[in-house]
Amino acid sequence: MGQNGRSISPGDEIYEAKNPFFRGMRDAIPIGLGYFAVSFSLGIAAGNVGYTTFQGFLLSLLNVSSSGEYAGIVLSAEQAGFIELALMICVANARYLLMSFALSQRFSPSSTLFHRLTIGFGLTDELFGLGIASKGWLDPVYMYGAFFGSIPLWALGTAFGVYAGNVLPVILSEALNVAIFGMFLAIIIPPGKKDPVVLGAVIVSFLLSLLASVLPLTASISSGTRTLILTIIIASAVALLFPLKDEPAQEIRTETTEES
């Protein structure tokens, strides 16, 4: 019998007995392997604009955001100002703020503010899914293990990408640089296939971005600023016209309720 009185198999007993840190690290290793492959393309892009291997490693280790990092790389290559850079990255990473709020509700009320802030800092889409899928109260140590099993591979992938971009022939490096766009297509296509609103927003974004790059009034604006303005306008319009409906609240203390 488990600690909450339910019957468990021997395999479940071993699983529950493991340290939550190592359990989180084990669960996140497949995510980390995917991160390594994706961030390699990001490193190619970073190397092409002058980042060193260490700078690429540090960039991914401290940001952990494909879209935010790429936006930062592009803007820094254009000599953008700090305010423009900060605003663009905030917009690109705004979803993590909402994810942090949602995941914080899964922690025990006794969890400290330090744990909540630290886990919010290292949260990604995939790690959010890993944490939100856990049963009962979420153990912060489990999330630290998940970070350790995935984020270093993200940073290493970027560093290897920068290094490869510096040693490979220019024509091959430029070809690999195109892979970063494949990464973003992989991000937007699955939700676009499921939700016509998302697909419509993506198509409108492509069209408006193309128009903004050729119209006299907006063509003189830097691409980073154009992207920032269009992102805010399109996202705000979609949120107002097609608000998400509240889903029924799910029971997040399943095991605790069963025990009581």
C-alpha atoms as a PDB file:
ATOM      1  CA  MET A   1       0.000   0.000   0.000  1.00  0.00           C
ATOM      2  CA  GLY A   2       1.171   3.548  -0.718  1.00  0.00           C
ATOM      3  CA  GLN A   3       1.391   6.312   1.832  1.00  0.00           C
ATOM      4  CA  ASN A   4      -2.112   7.497   0.941  1.00  0.00           C
ATOM      5  CA  GLY A   5      -3.646   4.061   1.393  1.00  0.00           C
ATOM      6  CA  ARG A   6      -4.054   3.118  -2.272  1.00  0.00           C
ATOM      7  CA  SER A   7      -2.663  -0.122  -3.666  1.00  0.00           C
ATOM      8  CA  ILE A   8       0.407   0.171  -5.876  1.00  0.00           C
ATOM      9  CA  SER A   9       2.469  -2.232  -7.914  1.00  0.00           C
ATOM     10  CA  PRO A  10       6.138  -2.915  -7.143  1.00  0.00           C
ATOM     11  CA  GLY A  11       7.146  -0.690 -10.041  1.00  0.00           C
ATOM     12  CA  ASP A  12       5.061   2.164  -8.677  1.00  0.00           C
ATOM     13  CA  GLU A  13       6.630   1.676  -5.258  1.00  0.00           C
ATOM     14  CA  ILE A  14      10.119   2.056  -6.714  1.00  0.00           C
ATOM     15  CA  TYR A  15       8.987   5.133  -8.639  1.00  0.00           C
ATOM     16  CA  GLU A  16       7.553   6.768  -5.513  1.00  0.00           C
ATOM     17  CA  ALA A  17      10.616   5.941  -3.437  1.00  0.00           C
ATOM     18  CA  LYS A  18      12.986   7.774  -5.764  1.00  0.00           C
ATOM     19  CA  ASN A  19      14.310  11.184  -4.844  1.00  0.00           C
ATOM     20  CA  PRO A  20      12.057  13.787  -6.549  1.00  0.00           C
ATOM     21  CA  PHE A  21      15.103  15.588  -7.939  1.00  0.00           C
ATOM     22  CA  PHE A  22      16.317  12.524  -9.827  1.00  0.00           C
ATOM     23  CA  ARG A  23      12.771  11.673 -10.858  1.00  0.00           C
ATOM     24  CA  GLY A  24      12.350  15.140 -12.358  1.00  0.00           C
ATOM     25  CA  MET A  25      15.725  14.901 -14.083  1.00  0.00           C
ATOM     26  CA  ARG A  26      14.807  11.526 -15.566  1.00  0.00           C
ATOM     27  CA  ASP A  27      11.427  12.746 -16.812  1.00  0.00           C
ATOM     28  CA  ALA A  28      13.035  15.814 -18.452  1.00  0.00           C
ATOM     29  CA  ILE A  29      15.879  14.063 -20.298  1.00  0.00           C
ATOM     30  CA  PRO A  30      13.766  13.494 -23.465  1.00  0.00           C
ATOM     31  CA  ILE A  31      12.879  17.202 -23.377  1.00  0.00           C
ATOM     32  CA  GLY A  32      16.552  18.079 -22.998  1.00  0.00           C
ATOM     33  CA  LEU A  33      17.520  15.985 -26.024  1.00  0.00           C
ATOM     34  CA  GLY A  34      14.954  17.829 -28.095  1.00  0.00           C
ATOM     35  CA  TYR A  35      16.257  21.129 -26.748  1.00  0.00           C
ATOM     36  CA  PHE A  36      19.792  20.247 -27.826  1.00  0.00           C
ATOM     37  CA  ALA A  37      18.703  19.696 -31.422  1.00  0.00           C
ATOM     38  CA  VAL A  38      16.598  22.873 -31.568  1.00  0.00           C
ATOM     39  CA  SER A  39      19.111  25.164 -29.862  1.00  0.00           C
ATOM     40  CA  PHE A  40      21.845  24.027 -32.252  1.00  0.00           C
ATOM     41  CA  SER A  41      20.080  26.042 -34.967  1.00  0.00           C
ATOM     42  CA  LEU A  42      19.771  28.962 -32.580  1.00  0.00           C
ATOM     43  CA  GLY A  43      23.524  28.793 -32.004  1.00  0.00           C
ATOM     44  CA  ILE A  44      24.156  28.934 -35.751  1.00  0.00           C
ATOM     45  CA  ALA A  45      22.128  32.156 -35.914  1.00  0.00           C
ATOM     46  CA  ALA A  46      23.953  33.590 -32.881  1.00  0.00           C
ATOM     47  CA  GLY A  47      27.357  32.753 -34.335  1.00  0.00           C
ATOM     48  CA  ASN A  48      26.473  34.436 -37.621  1.00  0.00           C
ATOM     49  CA  VAL A  49      25.975  37.779 -35.859  1.00  0.00           C
ATOM     50  CA  GLY A  50      29.189  37.573 -33.835  1.00  0.00           C
ATOM     51  CA  TYR A  51      28.418  35.686 -30.623  1.00  0.00           C
ATOM     52  CA  THR A  52      31.245  33.603 -29.167  1.00  0.00           C
ATOM     53  CA  THR A  53      30.728  30.025 -28.009  1.00  0.00           C
ATOM     54  CA  PHE A  54      30.678  31.085 -24.362  1.00  0.00           C
ATOM     55  CA  GLN A  55      28.309  33.970 -25.056  1.00  0.00           C
ATOM     56  CA  GLY A  56      25.935  31.607 -26.846  1.00  0.00           C
ATOM     57  CA  PHE A  57      26.079  29.172 -23.939  1.00  0.00           C
ATOM     58  CA  LEU A  58      25.412  31.948 -21.420  1.00  0.00           C
ATOM     59  CA  LEU A  59      22.616  33.403 -23.558  1.00  0.00           C
ATOM     60  CA  SER A  60      20.646  30.161 -23.526  1.00  0.00           C
ATOM     61  CA  LEU A  61      21.473  29.276 -19.940  1.00  0.00           C
ATOM     62  CA  LEU A  62      20.075  32.578 -18.643  1.00  0.00           C
ATOM     63  CA  ASN A  63      17.127  32.970 -21.041  1.00  0.00           C
ATOM     64  CA  VAL A  64      15.805  29.492 -21.886  1.00  0.00           C
ATOM     65  CA  SER A  65      13.500  30.826 -24.598  1.00  0.00           C
ATOM     66  CA  SER A  66      13.797  30.101 -28.301  1.00  0.00           C
ATOM     67  CA  SER A  67      11.608  32.978 -29.482  1.00  0.00           C
ATOM     68  CA  GLY A  68      12.959  35.432 -26.911  1.00  0.00           C
ATOM     69  CA  GLU A  69      16.569  34.558 -27.631  1.00  0.00           C
ATOM     70  CA  TYR A  70      16.123  34.759 -31.379  1.00  0.00           C
ATOM     71  CA  ALA A  71      14.431  38.150 -31.036  1.00  0.00           C
ATOM     72  CA  GLY A  72      17.355  39.307 -28.906  1.00  0.00           C
ATOM     73  CA  ILE A  73      19.897  38.013 -31.412  1.00  0.00           C
ATOM     74  CA  VAL A  74      18.197  39.784 -34.312  1.00  0.00           C
ATOM     75  CA  LEU A  75      17.809  43.074 -32.443  1.00  0.00           C
ATOM     76  CA  SER A  76      21.348  43.062 -31.113  1.00  0.00           C
ATOM     77  CA  ALA A  77      22.630  42.495 -34.657  1.00  0.00           C
ATOM     78  CA  GLU A  78      20.682  45.609 -35.694  1.00  0.00           C
ATOM     79  CA  GLN A  79      22.242  47.656 -32.878  1.00  0.00           C
ATOM     80  CA  ALA A  80      18.833  48.100 -31.244  1.00  0.00           C
ATOM     81  CA  GLY A  81      18.553  50.069 -28.018  1.00  0.00           C
ATOM     82  CA  PHE A  82      18.180  48.427 -24.626  1.00  0.00           C
ATOM     83  CA  ILE A  83      14.572  49.580 -24.214  1.00  0.00           C
ATOM     84  CA  GLU A  84      13.518  48.151 -27.581  1.00  0.00           C
ATOM     85  CA  LEU A  85      15.360  44.927 -26.812  1.00  0.00           C
ATOM     86  CA  ALA A  86      13.741  44.588 -23.376  1.00  0.00           C
ATOM     87  CA  LEU A  87      10.232  45.313 -24.698  1.00  0.00           C
ATOM     88  CA  MET A  88      10.536  42.820 -27.540  1.00  0.00           C
ATOM     89  CA  ILE A  89      11.770  40.036 -25.272  1.00  0.00           C
ATOM     90  CA  CYS A  90       9.015  40.799 -22.743  1.00  0.00           C
ATOM     91  CA  VAL A  91       6.393  40.490 -25.468  1.00  0.00           C
ATOM     92  CA  ALA A  92       7.940  37.293 -26.858  1.00  0.00           C
ATOM     93  CA  ASN A  93       8.075  35.731 -23.385  1.00  0.00           C
ATOM     94  CA  ALA A  94       4.778  37.059 -21.996  1.00  0.00           C
ATOM     95  CA  ARG A  95       3.244  33.575 -22.044  1.00  0.00           C
ATOM     96  CA  TYR A  96       5.697  32.423 -19.379  1.00  0.00           C
ATOM     97  CA  LEU A  97       4.208  34.917 -16.944  1.00  0.00           C
ATOM     98  CA  LEU A  98       0.813  33.248 -17.302  1.00  0.00           C
ATOM     99  CA  MET A  99       2.350  29.779 -17.083  1.00  0.00           C
ATOM    100  CA  SER A 100       4.128  30.765 -13.871  1.00  0.00           C
ATOM    101  CA  PHE A 101       0.864  31.960 -12.333  1.00  0.00           C
ATOM    102  CA  ALA A 102      -0.882  28.730 -13.304  1.00  0.00           C
ATOM    103  CA  LEU A 103       1.902  26.457 -12.061  1.00  0.00           C
ATOM    104  CA  SER A 104       2.231  28.346  -8.773  1.00  0.00           C
ATOM    105  CA  GLN A 105      -1.266  27.133  -7.912  1.00  0.00           C
ATOM    106  CA  ARG A 106       0.053  23.568  -7.953  1.00  0.00           C
ATOM    107  CA  PHE A 107       2.506  24.207  -5.118  1.00  0.00           C
ATOM    108  CA  SER A 108       1.647  23.536  -1.521  1.00  0.00           C
ATOM    109  CA  PRO A 109       0.658  26.693   0.407  1.00  0.00           C
ATOM    110  CA  SER A 110       3.753  26.095   2.533  1.00  0.00           C
ATOM    111  CA  SER A 111       6.065  26.507  -0.503  1.00  0.00           C
ATOM    112  CA  THR A 112       8.252  29.581  -0.144  1.00  0.00           C
ATOM    113  CA  LEU A 113       8.299  32.596  -2.444  1.00  0.00           C
ATOM    114  CA  PHE A 114      11.892  31.706  -3.343  1.00  0.00           C
ATOM    115  CA  HIS A 115      10.771  28.393  -4.882  1.00  0.00           C
ATOM    116  CA  ARG A 116       7.946  30.053  -6.802  1.00  0.00           C
ATOM    117  CA  LEU A 117      10.187  32.768  -8.266  1.00  0.00           C
ATOM    118  CA  THR A 118      13.031  30.386  -9.119  1.00  0.00           C
ATOM    119  CA  ILE A 119      10.789  27.896 -10.893  1.00  0.00           C
ATOM    120  CA  GLY A 120       9.004  30.715 -12.689  1.00  0.00           C
ATOM    121  CA  PHE A 121      12.368  31.921 -14.001  1.00  0.00           C
ATOM    122  CA  GLY A 122      13.334  28.561 -15.508  1.00  0.00           C
ATOM    123  CA  LEU A 123       9.904  27.622 -16.854  1.00  0.00           C
ATOM    124  CA  THR A 124       9.444  26.645 -20.510  1.00  0.00           C
ATOM    125  CA  ASP A 125       6.447  25.365 -22.464  1.00  0.00           C
ATOM    126  CA  GLU A 126       7.547  21.734 -22.155  1.00  0.00           C
ATOM    127  CA  LEU A 127       8.570  21.953 -18.503  1.00  0.00           C
ATOM    128  CA  PHE A 128       5.270  23.652 -17.714  1.00  0.00           C
ATOM    129  CA  GLY A 129       3.475  20.666 -19.256  1.00  0.00           C
ATOM    130  CA  LEU A 130       5.616  18.308 -17.202  1.00  0.00           C
ATOM    131  CA  GLY A 131       4.801  20.142 -13.978  1.00  0.00           C
ATOM    132  CA  ILE A 132       1.105  20.689 -14.619  1.00  0.00           C
ATOM    133  CA  ALA A 133       0.618  16.987 -15.413  1.00  0.00           C
ATOM    134  CA  SER A 134       1.912  15.836 -12.029  1.00  0.00           C
ATOM    135  CA  LYS A 135      -0.596  14.613  -9.453  1.00  0.00           C
ATOM    136  CA  GLY A 136      -1.180  16.254  -6.111  1.00  0.00           C
ATOM    137  CA  TRP A 137       0.930  19.117  -4.847  1.00  0.00           C
ATOM    138  CA  LEU A 138       3.948  19.827  -7.055  1.00  0.00           C
ATOM    139  CA  ASP A 139       7.293  19.331  -5.332  1.00  0.00           C
ATOM    140  CA  PRO A 140       9.695  22.199  -6.163  1.00  0.00           C
ATOM    141  CA  VAL A 141      12.595  19.741  -5.939  1.00  0.00           C
ATOM    142  CA  TYR A 142      11.020  17.739  -8.768  1.00  0.00           C
ATOM    143  CA  MET A 143      11.024  20.843 -10.969  1.00  0.00           C
ATOM    144  CA  TYR A 144      14.653  21.595 -10.081  1.00  0.00           C
ATOM    145  CA  GLY A 145      15.526  18.105 -11.268  1.00  0.00           C
ATOM    146  CA  ALA A 146      13.592  18.725 -14.489  1.00  0.00           C
ATOM    147  CA  PHE A 147      15.542  21.953 -15.008  1.00  0.00           C
ATOM    148  CA  PHE A 148      18.835  20.141 -14.466  1.00  0.00           C
ATOM    149  CA  GLY A 149      17.878  17.439 -16.957  1.00  0.00           C
ATOM    150  CA  SER A 150      16.935  19.809 -19.761  1.00  0.00           C
ATOM    151  CA  ILE A 151      18.258  23.395 -19.511  1.00  0.00           C
ATOM    152  CA  PRO A 152      22.002  22.512 -19.637  1.00  0.00           C
ATOM    153  CA  LEU A 153      21.352  20.614 -22.875  1.00  0.00           C
ATOM    154  CA  TRP A 154      19.622  23.685 -24.291  1.00  0.00           C
ATOM    155  CA  ALA A 155      22.649  25.823 -23.437  1.00  0.00           C
ATOM    156  CA  LEU A 156      25.119  23.227 -24.729  1.00  0.00           C
ATOM    157  CA  GLY A 157      23.214  22.920 -28.003  1.00  0.00           C
ATOM    158  CA  THR A 158      23.493  26.674 -28.532  1.00  0.00           C
ATOM    159  CA  ALA A 159      27.224  26.615 -27.747  1.00  0.00           C
ATOM    160  CA  PHE A 160      27.825  23.751 -30.182  1.00  0.00           C
ATOM    161  CA  GLY A 161      25.813  25.618 -32.813  1.00  0.00           C
ATOM    162  CA  VAL A 162      27.970  28.731 -32.417  1.00  0.00           C
ATOM    163  CA  TYR A 163      31.127  26.628 -32.608  1.00  0.00           C
ATOM    164  CA  ALA A 164      29.911  24.743 -35.679  1.00  0.00           C
ATOM    165  CA  GLY A 165      29.015  27.993 -37.382  1.00  0.00           C
ATOM    166  CA  ASN A 166      32.561  29.240 -36.840  1.00  0.00           C
ATOM    167  CA  VAL A 167      34.338  26.167 -38.212  1.00  0.00           C
ATOM    168  CA  LEU A 168      31.997  25.002 -40.981  1.00  0.00           C
ATOM    169  CA  PRO A 169      32.202  26.420 -44.512  1.00  0.00           C
ATOM    170  CA  VAL A 170      30.179  29.614 -44.966  1.00  0.00           C
ATOM    171  CA  ILE A 171      27.749  28.054 -47.437  1.00  0.00           C
ATOM    172  CA  LEU A 172      26.973  25.178 -45.046  1.00  0.00           C
ATOM    173  CA  SER A 173      26.666  27.512 -42.065  1.00  0.00           C
ATOM    174  CA  GLU A 174      24.163  29.679 -43.932  1.00  0.00           C
ATOM    175  CA  ALA A 175      22.198  26.586 -44.933  1.00  0.00           C
ATOM    176  CA  LEU A 176      22.004  25.430 -41.308  1.00  0.00           C
ATOM    177  CA  ASN A 177      20.940  28.913 -40.266  1.00  0.00           C
ATOM    178  CA  VAL A 178      17.691  28.359 -42.185  1.00  0.00           C
ATOM    179  CA  ALA A 179      16.842  25.569 -39.726  1.00  0.00           C
ATOM    180  CA  ILE A 180      15.886  28.187 -37.127  1.00  0.00           C
ATOM    181  CA  PHE A 181      12.849  29.039 -39.246  1.00  0.00           C
ATOM    182  CA  GLY A 182      11.921  25.365 -39.310  1.00  0.00           C
ATOM    183  CA  MET A 183      11.940  25.468 -35.520  1.00  0.00           C
ATOM    184  CA  PHE A 184       9.395  28.287 -35.485  1.00  0.00           C
ATOM    185  CA  LEU A 185       7.246  26.516 -38.066  1.00  0.00           C
ATOM    186  CA  ALA A 186       7.253  23.488 -35.777  1.00  0.00           C
ATOM    187  CA  ILE A 187       5.986  25.741 -32.984  1.00  0.00           C
ATOM    188  CA  ILE A 188       3.114  27.380 -34.872  1.00  0.00           C
ATOM    189  CA  ILE A 189       1.865  24.590 -37.159  1.00  0.00           C
ATOM    190  CA  PRO A 190       0.526  22.120 -34.511  1.00  0.00           C
ATOM    191  CA  PRO A 191      -1.632  24.695 -32.636  1.00  0.00           C
ATOM    192  CA  GLY A 192      -2.635  26.224 -35.983  1.00  0.00           C
ATOM    193  CA  LYS A 193      -3.991  22.864 -37.154  1.00  0.00           C
ATOM    194  CA  LYS A 194      -6.026  22.504 -33.974  1.00  0.00           C
ATOM    195  CA  ASP A 195      -7.350  26.048 -33.655  1.00  0.00           C
ATOM    196  CA  PRO A 196      -8.492  28.084 -36.705  1.00  0.00           C
ATOM    197  CA  VAL A 197      -8.138  31.295 -34.697  1.00  0.00           C
ATOM    198  CA  VAL A 198      -4.435  30.622 -34.173  1.00  0.00           C
ATOM    199  CA  LEU A 199      -4.016  29.721 -37.845  1.00  0.00           C
ATOM    200  CA  GLY A 200      -5.772  32.919 -38.884  1.00  0.00           C
ATOM    201  CA  ALA A 201      -3.610  35.004 -36.565  1.00  0.00           C
ATOM    202  CA  VAL A 202      -0.460  33.432 -38.030  1.00  0.00           C
ATOM    203  CA  ILE A 203      -1.560  34.135 -41.617  1.00  0.00           C
ATOM    204  CA  VAL A 204      -2.527  37.719 -40.758  1.00  0.00           C
ATOM    205  CA  SER A 205       0.852  38.166 -39.052  1.00  0.00           C
ATOM    206  CA  PHE A 206       2.690  37.036 -42.182  1.00  0.00           C
ATOM    207  CA  LEU A 207       0.663  39.342 -44.420  1.00  0.00           C
ATOM    208  CA  LEU A 208       0.892  42.415 -42.198  1.00  0.00           C
ATOM    209  CA  SER A 209       4.611  41.856 -41.651  1.00  0.00           C
ATOM    210  CA  LEU A 210       5.142  41.734 -45.418  1.00  0.00           C
ATOM    211  CA  LEU A 211       3.082  44.894 -45.947  1.00  0.00           C
ATOM    212  CA  ALA A 212       4.878  46.716 -43.141  1.00  0.00           C
ATOM    213  CA  SER A 213       8.238  45.931 -44.742  1.00  0.00           C
ATOM    214  CA  VAL A 214       7.283  47.564 -48.073  1.00  0.00           C
ATOM    215  CA  LEU A 215       4.883  50.395 -47.194  1.00  0.00           C
ATOM    216  CA  PRO A 216       6.649  53.779 -47.125  1.00  0.00           C
ATOM    217  CA  LEU A 217       5.242  54.701 -43.708  1.00  0.00           C
ATOM    218  CA  THR A 218       6.583  51.605 -41.930  1.00  0.00           C
ATOM    219  CA  ALA A 219       9.475  50.411 -44.108  1.00  0.00           C
ATOM    220  CA  SER A 220      11.829  52.936 -42.543  1.00  0.00           C
ATOM    221  CA  ILE A 221      11.179  51.492 -39.055  1.00  0.00           C
ATOM    222  CA  SER A 222      13.619  48.819 -37.889  1.00  0.00           C
ATOM    223  CA  SER A 223      12.394  45.245 -38.284  1.00  0.00           C
ATOM    224  CA  GLY A 224      12.542  44.678 -34.540  1.00  0.00           C
ATOM    225  CA  THR A 225      10.292  47.648 -33.806  1.00  0.00           C
ATOM    226  CA  ARG A 226       7.880  46.604 -36.573  1.00  0.00           C
ATOM    227  CA  THR A 227       7.689  43.120 -35.113  1.00  0.00           C
ATOM    228  CA  LEU A 228       7.098  44.518 -31.631  1.00  0.00           C
ATOM    229  CA  ILE A 229       4.270  46.810 -32.810  1.00  0.00           C
ATOM    230  CA  LEU A 230       2.596  44.122 -34.934  1.00  0.00           C
ATOM    231  CA  THR A 231       2.850  41.547 -32.142  1.00  0.00           C
ATOM    232  CA  ILE A 232       1.097  43.820 -29.660  1.00  0.00           C
ATOM    233  CA  ILE A 233      -1.623  44.880 -32.148  1.00  0.00           C
ATOM    234  CA  ILE A 234      -2.394  41.398 -33.492  1.00  0.00           C
ATOM    235  CA  ALA A 235      -2.267  39.667 -30.102  1.00  0.00           C
ATOM    236  CA  SER A 236      -4.513  42.319 -28.550  1.00  0.00           C
ATOM    237  CA  ALA A 237      -7.006  42.116 -31.426  1.00  0.00           C
ATOM    238  CA  VAL A 238      -7.213  38.321 -31.239  1.00  0.00           C
ATOM    239  CA  ALA A 239      -7.633  38.419 -27.453  1.00  0.00           C
ATOM    240  CA  LEU A 240     -10.504  40.929 -27.767  1.00  0.00           C
ATOM    241  CA  LEU A 241     -12.265  39.304 -30.710  1.00  0.00           C
ATOM    242  CA  PHE A 242     -11.753  35.663 -29.750  1.00  0.00           C
ATOM    243  CA  PRO A 243     -11.363  35.439 -25.955  1.00  0.00           C
ATOM    244  CA  LEU A 244     -10.636  32.020 -24.531  1.00  0.00           C
ATOM    245  CA  LYS A 245     -13.469  30.462 -22.580  1.00  0.00           C
ATOM    246  CA  ASP A 246     -12.794  29.458 -19.008  1.00  0.00           C
ATOM    247  CA  GLU A 247     -12.321  25.716 -18.689  1.00  0.00           C
ATOM    248  CA  PRO A 248     -13.879  23.835 -15.784  1.00  0.00           C
ATOM    249  CA  ALA A 249     -11.602  23.872 -12.785  1.00  0.00           C
ATOM    250  CA  GLN A 250      -9.738  20.609 -12.342  1.00  0.00           C
ATOM    251  CA  GLU A 251      -9.071  18.960  -9.026  1.00  0.00           C
ATOM    252  CA  ILE A 252      -5.368  19.407  -8.325  1.00  0.00           C
ATOM    253  CA  ARG A 253      -5.272  17.669  -4.991  1.00  0.00           C
ATOM    254  CA  THR A 254      -6.453  14.253  -6.105  1.00  0.00           C
ATOM    255  CA  GLU A 255      -4.287  12.177  -3.848  1.00  0.00           C
ATOM    256  CA  THR A 256      -4.812  14.431  -0.829  1.00  0.00           C
ATOM    257  CA  THR A 257      -8.568  14.242  -1.278  1.00  0.00           C
ATOM    258  CA  GLU A 258      -8.480  10.473  -1.548  1.00  0.00           C
ATOM    259  CA  GLU A 259      -6.442  10.280   1.623  1.00  0.00           C
ATOM    260  CA  SER A 260      -8.874  12.452   3.551  1.00  0.00           C
END
